[in-house]
Every structure is written in C-alpha cells, then in structure tokens.
Amino acid sequence: MRNVLVGVCAATALVLAQVSFAQESGKKEMGQHPRIANAVRALEGAIEYMEHAPHDFGGHKAQAIADSRKAIEQLRLAMQYRAAEDNRRGKK
C-alpha cells in the first residue's frame, strides 16, 4: 500500500511540474503573440458578458458561449504547440 501511495505522489508531482512548465511556456508564447493573447481576453470577456446577460440573443447565446470556449481552447493549444516546437528546437 505504501509503495502505491509513493507512486501516486510521484506521478502527481510529475504532472504538476509539467502543467507548471506548460503554463509558463504558454505565458511566454502569449507575450510573443499579443494578437492571440488579446483575442483570448476578448473572448473570455464576451463569454462573461453573455453568461450574465438577461436575454438569450435571439436563441444564439448558448451556442455562442460554447463556440467561444472552443475557440479559446484552440488558441491555447496553438500556443502550447508553438512553445513545444520552440523548446524542441532549443529556442528560448
């Protein structure tokens, strides 16, 4: 049981380190691509606005929120890819 717990703790630490590295790399990439960073912030703002709006924008609110979230996810994945490529090539 103790070995299993040690293994789980080690795996968790590794995952947390990878997430931290990815977040730092992502922040760096967002700084290098300010238009993408601005787009993410604008989409996040639009989502927040729509979520709190008292109307449904003619029935388009839910789909607009879902599509905006998908767009943010894709923009972040693009930046993660770019960071991984830069790391693979030794760029900092």
Protein backbone atom coordinates (compact mmCIF):
# COMPACT_ATOMS: atom_id res chain seq x y z
CA MET A 1 0.00 0.00 0.00
CA ARG A 2 2.83 2.37 0.88
CA ASN A 3 4.53 1.75 -2.49
CA VAL A 4 1.29 2.55 -4.31
CA LEU A 5 0.93 5.80 -2.35
CA VAL A 6 4.53 6.78 -3.11
CA GLY A 7 3.96 6.02 -6.80
CA VAL A 8 0.79 8.10 -6.90
CA CYS A 9 2.53 11.00 -5.18
CA ALA A 10 5.45 10.85 -7.62
CA ALA A 11 3.11 10.73 -10.62
CA THR A 12 1.11 13.66 -9.25
CA ALA A 13 4.29 15.70 -8.74
CA LEU A 14 5.38 14.98 -12.31
CA VAL A 15 2.03 16.05 -13.72
CA LEU A 16 2.04 19.25 -11.65
CA ALA A 17 5.56 20.08 -12.84
CA GLN A 18 4.51 19.54 -16.46
CA VAL A 19 1.43 21.73 -16.01
CA SER A 20 3.53 24.47 -14.42
CA PHE A 21 6.06 24.32 -17.26
CA ALA A 22 3.26 24.40 -19.84
CA GLN A 23 1.68 27.40 -18.14
CA GLU A 24 4.97 29.30 -18.09
CA SER A 25 5.65 28.40 -21.72
CA GLY A 26 2.11 29.43 -22.60
CA LYS A 27 2.54 32.81 -20.91
CA LYS A 28 5.76 33.37 -22.82
CA GLU A 29 4.12 32.42 -26.11
CA MET A 30 1.14 34.67 -25.42
CA GLY A 31 3.60 37.52 -24.86
CA GLN A 32 5.22 36.76 -28.21
CA HIS A 33 1.84 36.70 -29.94
CA PRO A 34 -0.10 39.65 -28.49
CA ARG A 35 -2.91 39.48 -31.04
CA ILE A 36 -3.73 35.95 -29.95
CA ALA A 37 -3.49 36.97 -26.29
CA ASN A 38 -5.88 39.86 -26.97
CA ALA A 39 -8.28 37.52 -28.79
CA VAL A 40 -8.35 35.14 -25.82
CA ARG A 41 -9.04 38.00 -23.41
CA ALA A 42 -11.77 39.40 -25.69
CA LEU A 43 -13.44 36.00 -25.99
CA GLU A 44 -13.28 35.49 -22.22
CA GLY A 45 -14.88 38.90 -21.74
CA ALA A 46 -17.59 38.13 -24.27
CA ILE A 47 -18.36 34.83 -22.54
CA GLU A 48 -18.63 36.52 -19.16
CA TYR A 49 -20.89 39.20 -20.60
CA MET A 50 -23.17 36.70 -22.31
CA GLU A 51 -23.38 34.48 -19.24
CA HIS A 52 -24.66 37.40 -17.17
CA ALA A 53 -26.90 38.92 -19.85
CA PRO A 54 -30.61 38.78 -19.07
CA HIS A 55 -31.52 37.83 -22.64
CA ASP A 56 -30.59 34.94 -24.93
CA PHE A 57 -29.51 36.93 -28.01
CA GLY A 58 -32.29 35.52 -30.14
CA GLY A 59 -31.52 31.94 -29.15
CA HIS A 60 -27.82 32.18 -30.04
CA LYS A 61 -26.40 32.72 -26.55
CA ALA A 62 -25.64 29.10 -25.59
CA GLN A 63 -24.02 28.24 -28.92
CA ALA A 64 -22.02 31.48 -28.96
CA ILE A 65 -20.67 30.72 -25.49
CA ALA A 66 -19.81 27.12 -26.44
CA ASP A 67 -18.11 28.17 -29.68
CA SER A 68 -16.17 30.92 -27.91
CA ARG A 69 -14.89 28.39 -25.37
CA LYS A 70 -13.82 26.09 -28.21
CA ALA A 71 -12.02 28.99 -29.90
CA ILE A 72 -10.15 29.81 -26.68
CA GLU A 73 -9.16 26.17 -26.31
CA GLN A 74 -7.82 26.06 -29.87
CA LEU A 75 -5.88 29.31 -29.44
CA ARG A 76 -4.28 27.96 -26.26
CA LEU A 77 -3.45 24.66 -27.94
CA ALA A 78 -1.83 26.57 -30.78
CA MET A 79 0.36 28.44 -28.30
CA GLN A 80 1.25 25.22 -26.46
CA TYR A 81 2.30 23.69 -29.77
CA ARG A 82 4.40 26.73 -30.62
CA ALA A 83 6.09 26.60 -27.18
CA ALA A 84 6.81 22.87 -27.55
CA GLU A 85 8.33 23.45 -31.00
CA ASP A 86 10.48 26.29 -29.69
CA ASN A 87 11.66 24.08 -26.81
CA ARG A 88 12.34 21.19 -29.17
CA ARG A 89 14.46 23.45 -31.36
CA GLY A 90 16.27 24.96 -28.41
CA LYS A 91 14.74 28.44 -28.76
CA LYS A 92 14.05 30.37 -25.60
